[in-house]
Amino acid sequence: MKLTLPHNLKTEGAAIVRAKQALNEMRAQLPKDASIDKEEWSGNSLAFAATANKMTITGALVVTATDYDITAKLPLMLRMFEGRIEKAIKEQTAQLLNK
C-alpha cells in the first residue's frame, strides 16, 4: 500500500517534529491488543512496525517539505480491505499531522 498525505507545514523539519508528536499521541490511544513495535528514524525516514489483532504491518514513512509518503506491507488478510484502510488513514492522520 502506498499513500501520499500532503501537509501544510512550512519545512521538512517541522513536518518531522509533527510526525513524531502524532506518533506519541496515537500510541497513547491504542487499544490493548495493538502496539507500535518498531519506530526507527534515520533523517527524514521512519521505519515502522505495528501489530493489531495479532497482525503485523511494516513499512516506511518519508517526510518531505510538502508530503508524508507512506509505504506499508499489509498482511494477506488485510489486503482485501486496502481501500478502506487507506481512507481511514487519510481521515485520521489529516487531523493529527496538520495541527
N, C-alpha and C. Protein backbone atom coordinates (compact mmCIF):
# COMPACT_ATOMS: atom_id res chain seq x y z
N MET A 1 0.85 -1.16 0.00
CA MET A 1 0.00 0.00 0.00
C MET A 1 0.90 1.23 0.00
N LYS A 2 0.56 2.20 -0.84
CA LYS A 2 1.31 3.45 -0.90
C LYS A 2 0.34 4.61 -0.78
N LEU A 3 0.72 5.57 0.06
CA LEU A 3 -0.10 6.76 0.28
C LEU A 3 0.78 7.99 0.28
N THR A 4 0.26 9.08 -0.23
CA THR A 4 0.91 10.37 -0.09
C THR A 4 -0.08 11.30 0.59
N LEU A 5 0.34 11.81 1.75
CA LEU A 5 -0.51 12.71 2.51
C LEU A 5 0.14 14.09 2.52
N PRO A 6 -0.46 15.06 1.86
CA PRO A 6 0.11 16.40 1.86
C PRO A 6 -0.02 17.05 3.23
N HIS A 7 0.90 17.93 3.55
CA HIS A 7 0.80 18.67 4.81
C HIS A 7 1.00 20.16 4.51
N ASN A 8 0.59 20.98 5.47
CA ASN A 8 0.66 22.42 5.29
C ASN A 8 1.74 23.06 6.17
N LEU A 9 2.71 22.27 6.58
CA LEU A 9 3.79 22.79 7.41
C LEU A 9 4.84 23.45 6.51
N LYS A 10 5.60 24.35 7.07
CA LYS A 10 6.50 25.17 6.25
C LYS A 10 7.77 24.45 5.81
N THR A 11 8.28 23.53 6.65
CA THR A 11 9.56 22.90 6.35
C THR A 11 9.50 21.40 6.61
N GLU A 12 10.47 20.69 6.05
CA GLU A 12 10.59 19.26 6.31
C GLU A 12 10.82 19.02 7.80
N GLY A 13 11.66 19.85 8.43
CA GLY A 13 11.94 19.70 9.86
C GLY A 13 10.69 19.83 10.70
N ALA A 14 9.85 20.80 10.39
CA ALA A 14 8.60 20.98 11.13
C ALA A 14 7.68 19.79 10.91
N ALA A 15 7.69 19.25 9.71
CA ALA A 15 6.85 18.08 9.41
C ALA A 15 7.34 16.84 10.15
N ILE A 16 8.64 16.70 10.32
CA ILE A 16 9.18 15.57 11.08
C ILE A 16 8.78 15.68 12.55
N VAL A 17 8.92 16.87 13.11
CA VAL A 17 8.52 17.10 14.50
C VAL A 17 7.05 16.75 14.68
N ARG A 18 6.21 17.19 13.76
CA ARG A 18 4.77 16.92 13.85
C ARG A 18 4.49 15.43 13.73
N ALA A 19 5.21 14.73 12.86
CA ALA A 19 5.01 13.28 12.72
C ALA A 19 5.37 12.56 14.02
N LYS A 20 6.44 12.97 14.66
CA LYS A 20 6.84 12.36 15.93
C LYS A 20 5.81 12.63 17.02
N GLN A 21 5.27 13.85 17.06
CA GLN A 21 4.23 14.17 18.02
C GLN A 21 2.98 13.34 17.77
N ALA A 22 2.61 13.19 16.49
CA ALA A 22 1.42 12.41 16.13
C ALA A 22 1.58 10.96 16.55
N LEU A 23 2.78 10.40 16.37
CA LEU A 23 3.03 9.02 16.79
C LEU A 23 2.85 8.87 18.30
N ASN A 24 3.34 9.82 19.06
CA ASN A 24 3.18 9.77 20.51
C ASN A 24 1.71 9.86 20.91
N GLU A 25 0.96 10.72 20.23
CA GLU A 25 -0.47 10.85 20.51
C GLU A 25 -1.21 9.56 20.16
N MET A 26 -0.87 8.97 19.02
CA MET A 26 -1.51 7.73 18.59
C MET A 26 -1.19 6.60 19.55
N ARG A 27 0.05 6.52 19.98
CA ARG A 27 0.48 5.45 20.90
C ARG A 27 -0.38 5.47 22.17
N ALA A 28 -0.67 6.64 22.67
CA ALA A 28 -1.47 6.77 23.89
C ALA A 28 -2.93 6.33 23.69
N GLN A 29 -3.40 6.30 22.46
CA GLN A 29 -4.79 5.97 22.16
C GLN A 29 -4.97 4.54 21.65
N LEU A 30 -3.90 3.77 21.55
CA LEU A 30 -4.00 2.42 21.01
C LEU A 30 -4.81 1.51 21.92
N PRO A 31 -5.63 0.64 21.33
CA PRO A 31 -6.33 -0.34 22.15
C PRO A 31 -5.33 -1.35 22.74
N LYS A 32 -5.79 -2.13 23.70
CA LYS A 32 -4.91 -3.07 24.40
C LYS A 32 -4.25 -4.09 23.49
N ASP A 33 -4.94 -4.49 22.42
CA ASP A 33 -4.39 -5.53 21.54
C ASP A 33 -3.56 -4.95 20.40
N ALA A 34 -3.17 -3.68 20.49
CA ALA A 34 -2.38 -3.04 19.44
C ALA A 34 -1.11 -2.43 20.04
N SER A 35 -0.06 -2.41 19.21
CA SER A 35 1.21 -1.83 19.68
C SER A 35 2.03 -1.33 18.50
N ILE A 36 2.87 -0.36 18.78
CA ILE A 36 3.88 0.07 17.81
C ILE A 36 5.15 -0.65 18.22
N ASP A 37 5.59 -1.58 17.40
CA ASP A 37 6.70 -2.46 17.76
C ASP A 37 8.06 -1.92 17.32
N LYS A 38 8.05 -1.09 16.31
CA LYS A 38 9.32 -0.55 15.78
C LYS A 38 9.08 0.88 15.34
N GLU A 39 9.99 1.75 15.70
CA GLU A 39 9.95 3.15 15.30
C GLU A 39 11.40 3.62 15.22
N GLU A 40 11.99 3.53 14.04
CA GLU A 40 13.39 3.89 13.85
C GLU A 40 13.52 5.01 12.83
N TRP A 41 13.95 6.17 13.32
CA TRP A 41 14.14 7.33 12.46
C TRP A 41 15.57 7.38 11.94
N SER A 42 15.71 7.73 10.67
CA SER A 42 17.01 7.99 10.05
C SER A 42 16.81 9.20 9.15
N GLY A 43 17.21 10.37 9.65
CA GLY A 43 16.97 11.60 8.88
C GLY A 43 15.49 11.85 8.76
N ASN A 44 15.01 11.92 7.52
CA ASN A 44 13.59 12.19 7.28
C ASN A 44 12.78 10.92 7.03
N SER A 45 13.37 9.75 7.33
CA SER A 45 12.70 8.48 7.08
C SER A 45 12.44 7.72 8.37
N LEU A 46 11.28 7.12 8.45
CA LEU A 46 10.90 6.31 9.60
C LEU A 46 10.60 4.90 9.12
N ALA A 47 11.25 3.91 9.72
CA ALA A 47 10.90 2.51 9.50
C ALA A 47 10.01 2.12 10.68
N PHE A 48 8.89 1.47 10.40
CA PHE A 48 7.96 1.15 11.48
C PHE A 48 7.39 -0.25 11.34
N ALA A 49 6.89 -0.73 12.46
CA ALA A 49 6.11 -1.97 12.51
C ALA A 49 5.07 -1.79 13.60
N ALA A 50 3.88 -2.25 13.32
CA ALA A 50 2.78 -2.15 14.29
C ALA A 50 1.98 -3.44 14.24
N THR A 51 1.44 -3.82 15.38
CA THR A 51 0.64 -5.03 15.48
C THR A 51 -0.73 -4.68 16.04
N ALA A 52 -1.75 -5.25 15.42
CA ALA A 52 -3.12 -5.12 15.91
C ALA A 52 -3.85 -6.42 15.59
N ASN A 53 -4.59 -6.91 16.55
CA ASN A 53 -5.32 -8.17 16.35
C ASN A 53 -4.41 -9.29 15.85
N LYS A 54 -3.20 -9.33 16.36
CA LYS A 54 -2.20 -10.35 16.04
C LYS A 54 -1.73 -10.30 14.58
N MET A 55 -1.95 -9.16 13.91
CA MET A 55 -1.46 -8.97 12.54
C MET A 55 -0.47 -7.82 12.54
N THR A 56 0.65 -8.01 11.85
CA THR A 56 1.71 -7.00 11.84
C THR A 56 1.75 -6.29 10.50
N ILE A 57 1.86 -4.99 10.57
CA ILE A 57 2.04 -4.14 9.39
C ILE A 57 3.42 -3.51 9.51
N THR A 58 4.21 -3.61 8.45
CA THR A 58 5.53 -2.99 8.42
C THR A 58 5.55 -1.96 7.30
N GLY A 59 6.47 -1.00 7.42
CA GLY A 59 6.55 -0.02 6.35
C GLY A 59 7.52 1.09 6.65
N ALA A 60 7.38 2.14 5.84
CA ALA A 60 8.26 3.30 5.95
C ALA A 60 7.45 4.56 5.71
N LEU A 61 7.90 5.62 6.36
CA LEU A 61 7.36 6.95 6.18
C LEU A 61 8.52 7.84 5.77
N VAL A 62 8.36 8.55 4.68
CA VAL A 62 9.37 9.52 4.25
C VAL A 62 8.70 10.89 4.29
N VAL A 63 9.35 11.80 5.00
CA VAL A 63 8.81 13.15 5.17
C VAL A 63 9.53 14.09 4.22
N THR A 64 8.76 14.86 3.46
CA THR A 64 9.33 15.89 2.59
C THR A 64 8.77 17.24 3.02
N ALA A 65 9.19 18.28 2.37
CA ALA A 65 8.72 19.62 2.70
C ALA A 65 7.23 19.81 2.41
N THR A 66 6.65 18.92 1.61
CA THR A 66 5.24 19.08 1.24
C THR A 66 4.36 17.88 1.55
N ASP A 67 4.95 16.70 1.76
CA ASP A 67 4.16 15.47 1.89
C ASP A 67 4.73 14.51 2.92
N TYR A 68 3.84 13.60 3.35
CA TYR A 68 4.23 12.40 4.08
C TYR A 68 3.98 11.25 3.11
N ASP A 69 5.02 10.54 2.73
CA ASP A 69 4.89 9.40 1.83
C ASP A 69 4.99 8.12 2.65
N ILE A 70 3.93 7.34 2.61
CA ILE A 70 3.86 6.11 3.40
C ILE A 70 3.82 4.91 2.47
N THR A 71 4.65 3.94 2.78
CA THR A 71 4.62 2.64 2.11
C THR A 71 4.46 1.60 3.20
N ALA A 72 3.46 0.74 3.07
CA ALA A 72 3.21 -0.26 4.11
C ALA A 72 2.92 -1.61 3.48
N LYS A 73 3.39 -2.64 4.14
CA LYS A 73 3.12 -4.01 3.71
C LYS A 73 2.04 -4.58 4.62
N LEU A 74 0.89 -4.86 4.01
CA LEU A 74 -0.24 -5.37 4.77
C LEU A 74 -0.23 -6.90 4.76
N PRO A 75 -0.66 -7.51 5.87
CA PRO A 75 -0.84 -8.96 5.87
C PRO A 75 -1.91 -9.35 4.86
N LEU A 76 -1.84 -10.56 4.37
CA LEU A 76 -2.77 -11.04 3.35
C LEU A 76 -4.23 -10.80 3.72
N MET A 77 -4.58 -11.06 4.97
CA MET A 77 -5.98 -10.88 5.39
C MET A 77 -6.46 -9.45 5.27
N LEU A 78 -5.55 -8.48 5.36
CA LEU A 78 -5.95 -7.07 5.29
C LEU A 78 -5.91 -6.50 3.88
N ARG A 79 -5.26 -7.17 2.97
CA ARG A 79 -5.12 -6.63 1.61
C ARG A 79 -6.46 -6.41 0.93
N MET A 80 -7.44 -7.25 1.22
CA MET A 80 -8.74 -7.08 0.56
C MET A 80 -9.47 -5.83 1.07
N PHE A 81 -9.00 -5.28 2.19
CA PHE A 81 -9.59 -4.07 2.75
C PHE A 81 -8.71 -2.85 2.54
N GLU A 82 -7.76 -2.94 1.62
CA GLU A 82 -6.78 -1.87 1.42
C GLU A 82 -7.42 -0.51 1.17
N GLY A 83 -8.44 -0.46 0.35
CA GLY A 83 -9.12 0.80 0.06
C GLY A 83 -9.72 1.44 1.30
N ARG A 84 -10.37 0.63 2.11
CA ARG A 84 -10.96 1.14 3.35
C ARG A 84 -9.88 1.58 4.33
N ILE A 85 -8.80 0.83 4.38
CA ILE A 85 -7.70 1.18 5.28
C ILE A 85 -7.08 2.50 4.86
N GLU A 86 -6.85 2.68 3.56
CA GLU A 86 -6.30 3.94 3.06
C GLU A 86 -7.20 5.11 3.43
N LYS A 87 -8.50 4.94 3.23
CA LYS A 87 -9.44 6.01 3.54
C LYS A 87 -9.39 6.36 5.03
N ALA A 88 -9.37 5.35 5.89
CA ALA A 88 -9.33 5.59 7.33
C ALA A 88 -8.03 6.29 7.73
N ILE A 89 -6.92 5.87 7.15
CA ILE A 89 -5.63 6.50 7.46
C ILE A 89 -5.66 7.97 7.05
N LYS A 90 -6.16 8.25 5.86
CA LYS A 90 -6.23 9.63 5.39
C LYS A 90 -7.08 10.50 6.30
N GLU A 91 -8.22 9.97 6.71
CA GLU A 91 -9.12 10.74 7.57
C GLU A 91 -8.51 10.99 8.95
N GLN A 92 -7.93 9.96 9.54
CA GLN A 92 -7.41 10.08 10.90
C GLN A 92 -6.12 10.88 10.95
N THR A 93 -5.25 10.72 9.97
CA THR A 93 -3.97 11.40 10.01
C THR A 93 -4.08 12.86 9.57
N ALA A 94 -5.07 13.20 8.79
CA ALA A 94 -5.21 14.59 8.34
C ALA A 94 -5.27 15.53 9.53
N GLN A 95 -6.03 15.16 10.53
CA GLN A 95 -6.15 16.00 11.72
C GLN A 95 -4.87 15.97 12.56
N LEU A 96 -4.31 14.79 12.77
CA LEU A 96 -3.12 14.65 13.61
C LEU A 96 -1.91 15.36 13.02
N LEU A 97 -1.71 15.23 11.73
CA LEU A 97 -0.48 15.73 11.11
C LEU A 97 -0.53 17.21 10.78
N ASN A 98 -1.69 17.78 10.67
CA ASN A 98 -1.79 19.18 10.26
C ASN A 98 -2.21 20.11 11.38
N LYS A 99 -2.01 19.71 12.61
CA LYS A 99 -2.36 20.57 13.75
C LYS A 99 -1.47 21.79 13.77
